[in-house]
Amino acid sequence: MVYSISYDLNRPGQDYDDLYRAIKGLGNWCHPLDSTWFVVCNLTATQIRDRLKSASDYTDGILITTASAPAAWNGLSQEVSDWLNNNL
Protein backbone atom coordinates (compact mmCIF):
# COMPACT_ATOMS: atom_id res chain seq x y z
CA MET A 1 0.00 0.00 0.00
CA VAL A 2 1.21 3.53 -0.73
CA TYR A 3 0.52 6.15 1.92
CA SER A 4 0.79 9.91 1.85
CA ILE A 5 2.18 11.39 5.05
CA SER A 6 1.74 15.10 5.75
CA TYR A 7 2.60 16.97 8.91
CA ASP A 8 2.85 20.32 10.64
CA LEU A 9 5.50 20.52 13.34
CA ASN A 10 4.28 23.28 15.61
CA ARG A 11 6.96 23.68 18.28
CA PRO A 12 9.50 26.43 17.43
CA GLY A 13 12.97 25.09 16.71
CA GLN A 14 11.74 21.52 16.45
CA ASP A 15 14.17 19.04 14.92
CA TYR A 16 12.81 17.10 11.97
CA ASP A 17 15.53 14.42 12.03
CA ASP A 18 13.69 11.96 14.29
CA LEU A 19 10.55 12.22 12.18
CA TYR A 20 12.53 11.82 8.94
CA ARG A 21 14.26 8.71 10.29
CA ALA A 22 10.92 7.25 11.40
CA ILE A 23 9.35 7.84 7.98
CA LYS A 24 12.35 6.45 6.09
CA GLY A 25 12.25 3.37 8.32
CA LEU A 26 8.74 2.50 7.12
CA GLY A 27 9.82 1.35 3.65
CA ASN A 28 10.34 2.64 0.11
CA TRP A 29 9.84 6.41 0.39
CA CYS A 30 9.67 9.63 -1.59
CA HIS A 31 9.84 13.20 -0.19
CA PRO A 32 8.30 15.42 -2.90
CA LEU A 33 7.38 18.51 -0.84
CA ASP A 34 8.59 20.06 2.42
CA SER A 35 5.94 18.48 4.66
CA THR A 36 4.76 15.62 2.43
CA TRP A 37 6.13 12.13 1.98
CA PHE A 38 4.94 8.99 0.20
CA VAL A 39 5.85 5.57 1.54
CA VAL A 40 5.19 2.01 0.39
CA CYS A 41 4.38 0.09 3.56
CA ASN A 42 2.46 -2.97 4.76
CA LEU A 43 1.34 -1.29 7.98
CA THR A 44 -2.07 0.29 8.46
CA ALA A 45 -2.50 4.06 8.57
CA THR A 46 -3.13 3.78 12.33
CA GLN A 47 0.09 1.81 12.86
CA ILE A 48 2.06 4.38 10.86
CA ARG A 49 0.53 7.21 12.90
CA ASP A 50 1.44 5.48 16.13
CA ARG A 51 5.06 5.04 15.02
CA LEU A 52 5.36 8.66 13.96
CA LYS A 53 3.78 9.99 17.17
CA SER A 54 6.87 8.90 19.08
CA ALA A 55 9.05 11.00 16.73
CA SER A 56 6.90 14.11 17.03
CA ASP A 57 5.52 16.46 19.66
CA TYR A 58 1.97 16.35 21.06
CA THR A 59 1.30 19.74 19.41
CA ASP A 60 2.15 18.45 15.92
CA GLY A 61 -0.38 17.51 13.27
CA ILE A 62 0.11 14.29 11.28
CA LEU A 63 -2.12 13.07 8.46
CA ILE A 64 -1.76 9.62 6.85
CA THR A 65 -3.90 8.73 3.85
CA THR A 66 -3.72 6.12 1.12
CA ALA A 67 -2.41 7.27 -2.25
CA SER A 68 -3.01 5.75 -5.67
CA ALA A 69 -3.30 6.57 -9.35
CA PRO A 70 -4.65 8.54 -11.01
CA ALA A 71 -2.61 11.41 -9.68
CA ALA A 72 -1.21 14.62 -11.11
CA TRP A 73 1.69 16.89 -10.19
CA ASN A 74 3.80 19.72 -11.52
CA GLY A 75 7.18 21.21 -10.74
CA LEU A 76 8.63 18.09 -9.09
CA SER A 77 12.01 16.61 -9.94
CA GLN A 78 12.39 13.83 -12.47
CA GLU A 79 13.42 11.49 -9.64
CA VAL A 80 10.21 12.22 -7.73
CA SER A 81 8.10 11.94 -10.89
CA ASP A 82 9.67 8.57 -11.66
CA TRP A 83 9.01 7.34 -8.11
CA LEU A 84 5.38 8.42 -8.30
CA ASN A 85 4.89 6.86 -11.73
CA ASN A 86 6.44 3.59 -10.54
CA ASN A 87 4.64 3.33 -7.20
CA LEU A 88 1.18 4.87 -7.50
PDB file of N, CA and C in Angstrom:
ATOM      1  N   MET A   1       0.849  -1.169   0.000  1.00  0.00           N
ATOM      2  CA  MET A   1       0.000   0.000   0.000  1.00  0.00           C
ATOM      3  C   MET A   1       0.899   1.238   0.000  1.00  0.00           C
ATOM      4  N   VAL A   2       0.487   2.261  -0.729  1.00  0.00           N
ATOM      5  CA  VAL A   2       1.205   3.531  -0.732  1.00  0.00           C
ATOM      6  C   VAL A   2       0.420   4.519   0.128  1.00  0.00           C
ATOM      7  N   TYR A   3       1.119   5.155   1.036  1.00  0.00           N
ATOM      8  CA  TYR A   3       0.518   6.148   1.919  1.00  0.00           C
ATOM      9  C   TYR A   3       1.142   7.510   1.672  1.00  0.00           C
ATOM     10  N   SER A   4       0.325   8.534   1.816  1.00  0.00           N
ATOM     11  CA  SER A   4       0.794   9.915   1.846  1.00  0.00           C
ATOM     12  C   SER A   4       0.868  10.325   3.313  1.00  0.00           C
ATOM     13  N   ILE A   5       1.988  10.913   3.687  1.00  0.00           N
ATOM     14  CA  ILE A   5       2.184  11.390   5.053  1.00  0.00           C
ATOM     15  C   ILE A   5       2.433  12.890   4.988  1.00  0.00           C
ATOM     16  N   SER A   6       1.587  13.646   5.662  1.00  0.00           N
ATOM     17  CA  SER A   6       1.740  15.103   5.748  1.00  0.00           C
ATOM     18  C   SER A   6       1.782  15.491   7.214  1.00  0.00           C
ATOM     19  N   TYR A   7       2.476  16.571   7.512  1.00  0.00           N
ATOM     20  CA  TYR A   7       2.603  16.967   8.907  1.00  0.00           C
ATOM     21  C   TYR A   7       2.837  18.455   9.034  1.00  0.00           C
ATOM     22  N   ASP A   8       2.497  18.980  10.193  1.00  0.00           N
ATOM     23  CA  ASP A   8       2.855  20.317  10.643  1.00  0.00           C
ATOM     24  C   ASP A   8       3.533  20.150  11.988  1.00  0.00           C
ATOM     25  N   LEU A   9       4.800  20.531  12.056  1.00  0.00           N
ATOM     26  CA  LEU A   9       5.504  20.519  13.336  1.00  0.00           C
ATOM     27  C   LEU A   9       5.365  21.916  13.925  1.00  0.00           C
ATOM     28  N   ASN A  10       4.728  21.994  15.080  1.00  0.00           N
ATOM     29  CA  ASN A  10       4.284  23.279  15.611  1.00  0.00           C
ATOM     30  C   ASN A  10       5.148  23.878  16.715  1.00  0.00           C
ATOM     31  N   ARG A  11       6.115  23.146  17.204  1.00  0.00           N
ATOM     32  CA  ARG A  11       6.964  23.678  18.275  1.00  0.00           C
ATOM     33  C   ARG A  11       8.142  24.420  17.653  1.00  0.00           C
ATOM     34  N   PRO A  12       8.372  25.677  18.006  1.00  0.00           N
ATOM     35  CA  PRO A  12       9.497  26.433  17.431  1.00  0.00           C
ATOM     36  C   PRO A  12      10.830  25.720  17.656  1.00  0.00           C
ATOM     37  N   GLY A  13      11.647  25.694  16.616  1.00  0.00           N
ATOM     38  CA  GLY A  13      12.967  25.087  16.715  1.00  0.00           C
ATOM     39  C   GLY A  13      12.972  23.576  16.721  1.00  0.00           C
ATOM     40  N   GLN A  14      11.853  22.978  16.410  1.00  0.00           N
ATOM     41  CA  GLN A  14      11.739  21.518  16.452  1.00  0.00           C
ATOM     42  C   GLN A  14      12.640  20.872  15.406  1.00  0.00           C
ATOM     43  N   ASP A  15      13.274  19.785  15.779  1.00  0.00           N
ATOM     44  CA  ASP A  15      14.174  19.037  14.919  1.00  0.00           C
ATOM     45  C   ASP A  15      13.376  18.002  14.132  1.00  0.00           C
ATOM     46  N   TYR A  16      13.531  18.021  12.821  1.00  0.00           N
ATOM     47  CA  TYR A  16      12.813  17.097  11.965  1.00  0.00           C
ATOM     48  C   TYR A  16      13.506  15.741  11.842  1.00  0.00           C
ATOM     49  N   ASP A  17      14.743  15.627  12.275  1.00  0.00           N
ATOM     50  CA  ASP A  17      15.535  14.422  12.025  1.00  0.00           C
ATOM     51  C   ASP A  17      14.881  13.144  12.545  1.00  0.00           C
ATOM     52  N   ASP A  18      14.332  13.163  13.745  1.00  0.00           N
ATOM     53  CA  ASP A  18      13.690  11.964  14.292  1.00  0.00           C
ATOM     54  C   ASP A  18      12.495  11.546  13.439  1.00  0.00           C
ATOM     55  N   LEU A  19      11.701  12.519  13.016  1.00  0.00           N
ATOM     56  CA  LEU A  19      10.554  12.215  12.183  1.00  0.00           C
ATOM     57  C   LEU A  19      11.002  11.680  10.830  1.00  0.00           C
ATOM     58  N   TYR A  20      12.011  12.304  10.232  1.00  0.00           N
ATOM     59  CA  TYR A  20      12.530  11.823   8.941  1.00  0.00           C
ATOM     60  C   TYR A  20      13.025  10.379   9.050  1.00  0.00           C
ATOM     61  N   ARG A  21      13.756  10.084  10.104  1.00  0.00           N
ATOM     62  CA  ARG A  21      14.255   8.705  10.293  1.00  0.00           C
ATOM     63  C   ARG A  21      13.091   7.726  10.456  1.00  0.00           C
ATOM     64  N   ALA A  22      12.073   8.126  11.187  1.00  0.00           N
ATOM     65  CA  ALA A  22      10.917   7.250  11.402  1.00  0.00           C
ATOM     66  C   ALA A  22      10.186   6.989  10.082  1.00  0.00           C
ATOM     67  N   ILE A  23      10.019   8.015   9.268  1.00  0.00           N
ATOM     68  CA  ILE A  23       9.349   7.835   7.978  1.00  0.00           C
ATOM     69  C   ILE A  23      10.189   6.950   7.065  1.00  0.00           C
ATOM     70  N   LYS A  24      11.468   7.236   6.961  1.00  0.00           N
ATOM     71  CA  LYS A  24      12.353   6.451   6.092  1.00  0.00           C
ATOM     72  C   LYS A  24      12.398   4.991   6.527  1.00  0.00           C
ATOM     73  N   GLY A  25      12.224   4.735   7.803  1.00  0.00           N
ATOM     74  CA  GLY A  25      12.252   3.374   8.325  1.00  0.00           C
ATOM     75  C   GLY A  25      11.007   2.561   7.994  1.00  0.00           C
ATOM     76  N   LEU A  26       9.987   3.205   7.446  1.00  0.00           N
ATOM     77  CA  LEU A  26       8.741   2.500   7.117  1.00  0.00           C
ATOM     78  C   LEU A  26       8.847   1.677   5.842  1.00  0.00           C
ATOM     79  N   GLY A  27       9.709   2.071   4.912  1.00  0.00           N
ATOM     80  CA  GLY A  27       9.824   1.350   3.647  1.00  0.00           C
ATOM     81  C   GLY A  27      10.284   2.265   2.531  1.00  0.00           C
ATOM     82  N   ASN A  28       9.985   1.887   1.301  1.00  0.00           N
ATOM     83  CA  ASN A  28      10.343   2.644   0.112  1.00  0.00           C
ATOM     84  C   ASN A  28       9.645   4.003   0.174  1.00  0.00           C
ATOM     85  N   TRP A  29      10.401   5.091   0.143  1.00  0.00           N
ATOM     86  CA  TRP A  29       9.836   6.409   0.387  1.00  0.00           C
ATOM     87  C   TRP A  29      10.216   7.417  -0.684  1.00  0.00           C
ATOM     88  N   CYS A  30       9.443   8.491  -0.701  1.00  0.00           N
ATOM     89  CA  CYS A  30       9.672   9.629  -1.589  1.00  0.00           C
ATOM     90  C   CYS A  30       9.285  10.885  -0.809  1.00  0.00           C
ATOM     91  N   HIS A  31      10.080  11.945  -0.925  1.00  0.00           N
ATOM     92  CA  HIS A  31       9.835  13.196  -0.191  1.00  0.00           C
ATOM     93  C   HIS A  31       9.675  14.333  -1.206  1.00  0.00           C
ATOM     94  N   PRO A  32       8.472  14.470  -1.803  1.00  0.00           N
ATOM     95  CA  PRO A  32       8.298  15.417  -2.905  1.00  0.00           C
ATOM     96  C   PRO A  32       8.153  16.883  -2.500  1.00  0.00           C
ATOM     97  N   LEU A  33       7.621  17.148  -1.304  1.00  0.00           N
ATOM     98  CA  LEU A  33       7.384  18.512  -0.837  1.00  0.00           C
ATOM     99  C   LEU A  33       7.822  18.625   0.619  1.00  0.00           C
ATOM    100  N   ASP A  34       8.018  19.846   1.089  1.00  0.00           N
ATOM    101  CA  ASP A  34       8.587  20.059   2.423  1.00  0.00           C
ATOM    102  C   ASP A  34       7.941  19.233   3.526  1.00  0.00           C
ATOM    103  N   SER A  35       6.628  19.183   3.573  1.00  0.00           N
ATOM    104  CA  SER A  35       5.940  18.477   4.660  1.00  0.00           C
ATOM    105  C   SER A  35       5.103  17.310   4.159  1.00  0.00           C
ATOM    106  N   THR A  36       5.496  16.740   3.018  1.00  0.00           N
ATOM    107  CA  THR A  36       4.762  15.622   2.433  1.00  0.00           C
ATOM    108  C   THR A  36       5.729  14.525   2.017  1.00  0.00           C
ATOM    109  N   TRP A  37       5.379  13.315   2.378  1.00  0.00           N
ATOM    110  CA  TRP A  37       6.132  12.126   1.975  1.00  0.00           C
ATOM    111  C   TRP A  37       5.152  11.103   1.421  1.00  0.00           C
ATOM    112  N   PHE A  38       5.660  10.196   0.603  1.00  0.00           N
ATOM    113  CA  PHE A  38       4.937   8.994   0.203  1.00  0.00           C
ATOM    114  C   PHE A  38       5.782   7.817   0.647  1.00  0.00           C
ATOM    115  N   VAL A  39       5.129   6.759   1.097  1.00  0.00           N
ATOM    116  CA  VAL A  39       5.851   5.572   1.535  1.00  0.00           C
ATOM    117  C   VAL A  39       5.062   4.326   1.145  1.00  0.00           C
ATOM    118  N   VAL A  40       5.787   3.317   0.669  1.00  0.00           N
ATOM    119  CA  VAL A  40       5.194   2.007   0.393  1.00  0.00           C
ATOM    120  C   VAL A  40       5.406   1.186   1.654  1.00  0.00           C
ATOM    121  N   CYS A  41       4.298   0.711   2.246  1.00  0.00           N
ATOM    122  CA  CYS A  41       4.385   0.087   3.560  1.00  0.00           C
ATOM    123  C   CYS A  41       3.240  -0.908   3.745  1.00  0.00           C
ATOM    124  N   ASN A  42       3.486  -1.975   4.476  1.00  0.00           N
ATOM    125  CA  ASN A  42       2.458  -2.973   4.755  1.00  0.00           C
ATOM    126  C   ASN A  42       1.698  -2.709   6.053  1.00  0.00           C
ATOM    127  N   LEU A  43       2.049  -1.644   6.757  1.00  0.00           N
ATOM    128  CA  LEU A  43       1.335  -1.293   7.982  1.00  0.00           C
ATOM    129  C   LEU A  43       0.022  -0.602   7.649  1.00  0.00           C
ATOM    130  N   THR A  44      -0.848  -0.494   8.629  1.00  0.00           N
ATOM    131  CA  THR A  44      -2.072   0.288   8.457  1.00  0.00           C
ATOM    132  C   THR A  44      -1.756   1.767   8.719  1.00  0.00           C
ATOM    133  N   ALA A  45      -2.669   2.637   8.317  1.00  0.00           N
ATOM    134  CA  ALA A  45      -2.500   4.062   8.575  1.00  0.00           C
ATOM    135  C   ALA A  45      -2.396   4.324  10.084  1.00  0.00           C
ATOM    136  N   THR A  46      -3.175   3.619  10.871  1.00  0.00           N
ATOM    137  CA  THR A  46      -3.133   3.783  12.328  1.00  0.00           C
ATOM    138  C   THR A  46      -1.780   3.365  12.891  1.00  0.00           C
ATOM    139  N   GLN A  47      -1.226   2.261  12.402  1.00  0.00           N
ATOM    140  CA  GLN A  47       0.088   1.813  12.863  1.00  0.00           C
ATOM    141  C   GLN A  47       1.183   2.808  12.484  1.00  0.00           C
ATOM    142  N   ILE A  48       1.084   3.368  11.283  1.00  0.00           N
ATOM    143  CA  ILE A  48       2.055   4.383  10.860  1.00  0.00           C
ATOM    144  C   ILE A  48       1.946   5.602  11.772  1.00  0.00           C
ATOM    145  N   ARG A  49       0.731   6.069  12.004  1.00  0.00           N
ATOM    146  CA  ARG A  49       0.530   7.212  12.895  1.00  0.00           C
ATOM    147  C   ARG A  49       1.154   6.971  14.256  1.00  0.00           C
ATOM    148  N   ASP A  50       0.916   5.797  14.806  1.00  0.00           N
ATOM    149  CA  ASP A  50       1.445   5.483  16.132  1.00  0.00           C
ATOM    150  C   ASP A  50       2.968   5.482  16.146  1.00  0.00           C
ATOM    151  N   ARG A  51       3.591   5.006  15.092  1.00  0.00           N
ATOM    152  CA  ARG A  51       5.060   5.035  15.020  1.00  0.00           C
ATOM    153  C   ARG A  51       5.580   6.463  14.917  1.00  0.00           C
ATOM    154  N   LEU A  52       4.896   7.288  14.157  1.00  0.00           N
ATOM    155  CA  LEU A  52       5.361   8.656  13.960  1.00  0.00           C
ATOM    156  C   LEU A  52       5.085   9.541  15.163  1.00  0.00           C
ATOM    157  N   LYS A  53       4.084   9.203  15.960  1.00  0.00           N
ATOM    158  CA  LYS A  53       3.784   9.985  17.167  1.00  0.00           C
ATOM    159  C   LYS A  53       4.977  10.023  18.103  1.00  0.00           C
ATOM    160  N   SER A  54       5.729   8.937  18.172  1.00  0.00           N
ATOM    161  CA  SER A  54       6.874   8.902  19.078  1.00  0.00           C
ATOM    162  C   SER A  54       8.029   9.775  18.579  1.00  0.00           C
ATOM    163  N   ALA A  55       7.993  10.152  17.300  1.00  0.00           N
ATOM    164  CA  ALA A  55       9.047  10.995  16.729  1.00  0.00           C
ATOM    165  C   ALA A  55       8.578  12.441  16.572  1.00  0.00           C
ATOM    166  N   SER A  56       7.440  12.765  17.153  1.00  0.00           N
ATOM    167  CA  SER A  56       6.903  14.114  17.030  1.00  0.00           C
ATOM    168  C   SER A  56       6.425  14.595  18.394  1.00  0.00           C
ATOM    169  N   ASP A  57       5.982  15.833  18.444  1.00  0.00           N
ATOM    170  CA  ASP A  57       5.524  16.461  19.664  1.00  0.00           C
ATOM    171  C   ASP A  57       3.999  16.391  19.735  1.00  0.00           C
ATOM    172  N   TYR A  58       3.420  16.443  20.917  1.00  0.00           N
ATOM    173  CA  TYR A  58       1.966  16.347  21.058  1.00  0.00           C
ATOM    174  C   TYR A  58       1.236  17.507  20.370  1.00  0.00           C
ATOM    175  N   THR A  59       1.930  18.601  20.082  1.00  0.00           N
ATOM    176  CA  THR A  59       1.299  19.737  19.411  1.00  0.00           C
ATOM    177  C   THR A  59       1.310  19.606  17.886  1.00  0.00           C
ATOM    178  N   ASP A  60       1.996  18.607  17.362  1.00  0.00           N
ATOM    179  CA  ASP A  60       2.149  18.446  15.920  1.00  0.00           C
ATOM    180  C   ASP A  60       0.922  17.808  15.285  1.00  0.00           C
ATOM    181  N   GLY A  61       0.682  18.146  14.035  1.00  0.00           N
ATOM    182  CA  GLY A  61      -0.376  17.514  13.267  1.00  0.00           C
ATOM    183  C   GLY A  61       0.226  16.522  12.286  1.00  0.00           C
ATOM    184  N   ILE A  62      -0.341  15.318  12.216  1.00  0.00           N
ATOM    185  CA  ILE A  62       0.106  14.289  11.283  1.00  0.00           C
ATOM    186  C   ILE A  62      -1.124  13.735  10.582  1.00  0.00           C
ATOM    187  N   LEU A  63      -1.036  13.609   9.254  1.00  0.00           N
ATOM    188  CA  LEU A  63      -2.125  13.067   8.458  1.00  0.00           C
ATOM    189  C   LEU A  63      -1.575  11.962   7.564  1.00  0.00           C
ATOM    190  N   ILE A  64      -2.149  10.763   7.681  1.00  0.00           N
ATOM    191  CA  ILE A  64      -1.759   9.621   6.851  1.00  0.00           C
ATOM    192  C   ILE A  64      -2.972   9.201   6.048  1.00  0.00           C
ATOM    193  N   THR A  65      -2.833   9.173   4.732  1.00  0.00           N
ATOM    194  CA  THR A  65      -3.902   8.729   3.850  1.00  0.00           C
ATOM    195  C   THR A  65      -3.333   7.785   2.806  1.00  0.00           C
ATOM    196  N   THR A  66      -4.182   6.969   2.212  1.00  0.00           N
ATOM    197  CA  THR A  66      -3.723   6.124   1.116  1.00  0.00           C
ATOM    198  C   THR A  66      -3.563   6.981  -0.136  1.00  0.00           C
ATOM    199  N   ALA A  67      -2.661   6.553  -1.008  1.00  0.00           N
ATOM    200  CA  ALA A  67      -2.406   7.269  -2.253  1.00  0.00           C
ATOM    201  C   ALA A  67      -2.386   6.263  -3.399  1.00  0.00           C
ATOM    202  N   SER A  68      -2.999   6.643  -4.502  1.00  0.00           N
ATOM    203  CA  SER A  68      -3.013   5.752  -5.666  1.00  0.00           C
ATOM    204  C   SER A  68      -3.263   6.570  -6.925  1.00  0.00           C
ATOM    205  N   ALA A  69      -3.019   5.945  -8.065  1.00  0.00           N
ATOM    206  CA  ALA A  69      -3.304   6.573  -9.350  1.00  0.00           C
ATOM    207  C   ALA A  69      -4.809   6.545  -9.561  1.00  0.00           C
ATOM    208  N   PRO A  70      -5.359   7.479 -10.303  1.00  0.00           N
ATOM    209  CA  PRO A  70      -4.646   8.537 -11.015  1.00  0.00           C
ATOM    210  C   PRO A  70      -4.216   9.652 -10.066  1.00  0.00           C
ATOM    211  N   ALA A  71      -3.131  10.282 -10.436  1.00  0.00           N
ATOM    212  CA  ALA A  71      -2.606  11.411  -9.681  1.00  0.00           C
ATOM    213  C   ALA A  71      -1.991  12.391 -10.672  1.00  0.00           C
ATOM    214  N   ALA A  72      -1.823  13.613 -10.253  1.00  0.00           N
ATOM    215  CA  ALA A  72      -1.206  14.619 -11.114  1.00  0.00           C
ATOM    216  C   ALA A  72      -0.296  15.500 -10.271  1.00  0.00           C
ATOM    217  N   TRP A  73       0.752  16.019 -10.889  1.00  0.00           N
ATOM    218  CA  TRP A  73       1.690  16.891 -10.192  1.00  0.00           C
ATOM    219  C   TRP A  73       2.381  17.780 -11.204  1.00  0.00           C
ATOM    220  N   ASN A  74       3.061  18.786 -10.681  1.00  0.00           N
ATOM    221  CA  ASN A  74       3.797  19.724 -11.517  1.00  0.00           C
ATOM    222  C   ASN A  74       4.956  20.289 -10.709  1.00  0.00           C
ATOM    223  N   GLY A  75       6.053  20.547 -11.376  1.00  0.00           N
ATOM    224  CA  GLY A  75       7.179  21.211 -10.739  1.00  0.00           C
ATOM    225  C   GLY A  75       8.000  20.332  -9.819  1.00  0.00           C
ATOM    226  N   LEU A  76       7.839  19.015  -9.906  1.00  0.00           N
ATOM    227  CA  LEU A  76       8.627  18.093  -9.092  1.00  0.00           C
ATOM    228  C   LEU A  76       9.801  17.571  -9.917  1.00  0.00           C
ATOM    229  N   SER A  77      10.830  17.116  -9.238  1.00  0.00           N
ATOM    230  CA  SER A  77      12.014  16.615  -9.937  1.00  0.00           C
ATOM    231  C   SER A  77      11.688  15.361 -10.745  1.00  0.00           C
ATOM    232  N   GLN A  78      12.566  15.042 -11.676  1.00  0.00           N
ATOM    233  CA  GLN A  78      12.385  13.827 -12.470  1.00  0.00           C
ATOM    234  C   GLN A  78      12.442  12.597 -11.578  1.00  0.00           C
ATOM    235  N   GLU A  79      13.311  12.618 -10.579  1.00  0.00           N
ATOM    236  CA  GLU A  79      13.425  11.489  -9.643  1.00  0.00           C
ATOM    237  C   GLU A  79      12.103  11.253  -8.903  1.00  0.00           C
ATOM    238  N   VAL A  80      11.495  12.328  -8.423  1.00  0.00           N
ATOM    239  CA  VAL A  80      10.210  12.215  -7.731  1.00  0.00           C
ATOM    240  C   VAL A  80       9.126  11.763  -8.701  1.00  0.00           C
ATOM    241  N   SER A  81       9.093  12.342  -9.889  1.00  0.00           N
ATOM    242  CA  SER A  81       8.101  11.938 -10.894  1.00  0.00           C
ATOM    243  C   SER A  81       8.227  10.460 -11.230  1.00  0.00           C
ATOM    244  N   ASP A  82       9.456   9.989 -11.377  1.00  0.00           N
ATOM    245  CA  ASP A  82       9.668   8.566 -11.659  1.00  0.00           C
ATOM    246  C   ASP A  82       9.170   7.703 -10.518  1.00  0.00           C
ATOM    247  N   TRP A  83       9.451   8.105  -9.276  1.00  0.00           N
ATOM    248  CA  TRP A  83       9.008   7.343  -8.110  1.00  0.00           C
ATOM    249  C   TRP A  83       7.482   7.267  -8.101  1.00  0.00           C
ATOM    250  N   LEU A  84       6.828   8.384  -8.301  1.00  0.00           N
ATOM    251  CA  LEU A  84       5.375   8.418  -8.295  1.00  0.00           C
ATOM    252  C   LEU A  84       4.806   7.558  -9.423  1.00  0.00           C
ATOM    253  N   ASN A  85       5.354   7.670 -10.610  1.00  0.00           N
ATOM    254  CA  ASN A  85       4.889   6.861 -11.731  1.00  0.00           C
ATOM    255  C   ASN A  85       5.072   5.375 -11.469  1.00  0.00           C
ATOM    256  N   ASN A  86       6.137   4.999 -10.793  1.00  0.00           N
ATOM    257  CA  ASN A  86       6.437   3.588 -10.543  1.00  0.00           C
ATOM    258  C   ASN A  86       5.700   3.001  -9.344  1.00  0.00           C
ATOM    259  N   ASN A  87       5.208   3.849  -8.437  1.00  0.00           N
ATOM    260  CA  ASN A  87       4.641   3.329  -7.203  1.00  0.00           C
ATOM    261  C   ASN A  87       3.163   3.614  -6.981  1.00  0.00           C
ATOM    262  N   LEU A  88       2.608   4.591  -7.680  1.00  0.00           N
ATOM    263  CA  LEU A  88       1.184   4.866  -7.495  1.00  0.00           C
ATOM    264  C   LEU A  88       0.354   4.027  -8.435  1.00  0.00           C
TER     265      LEU A  88
END
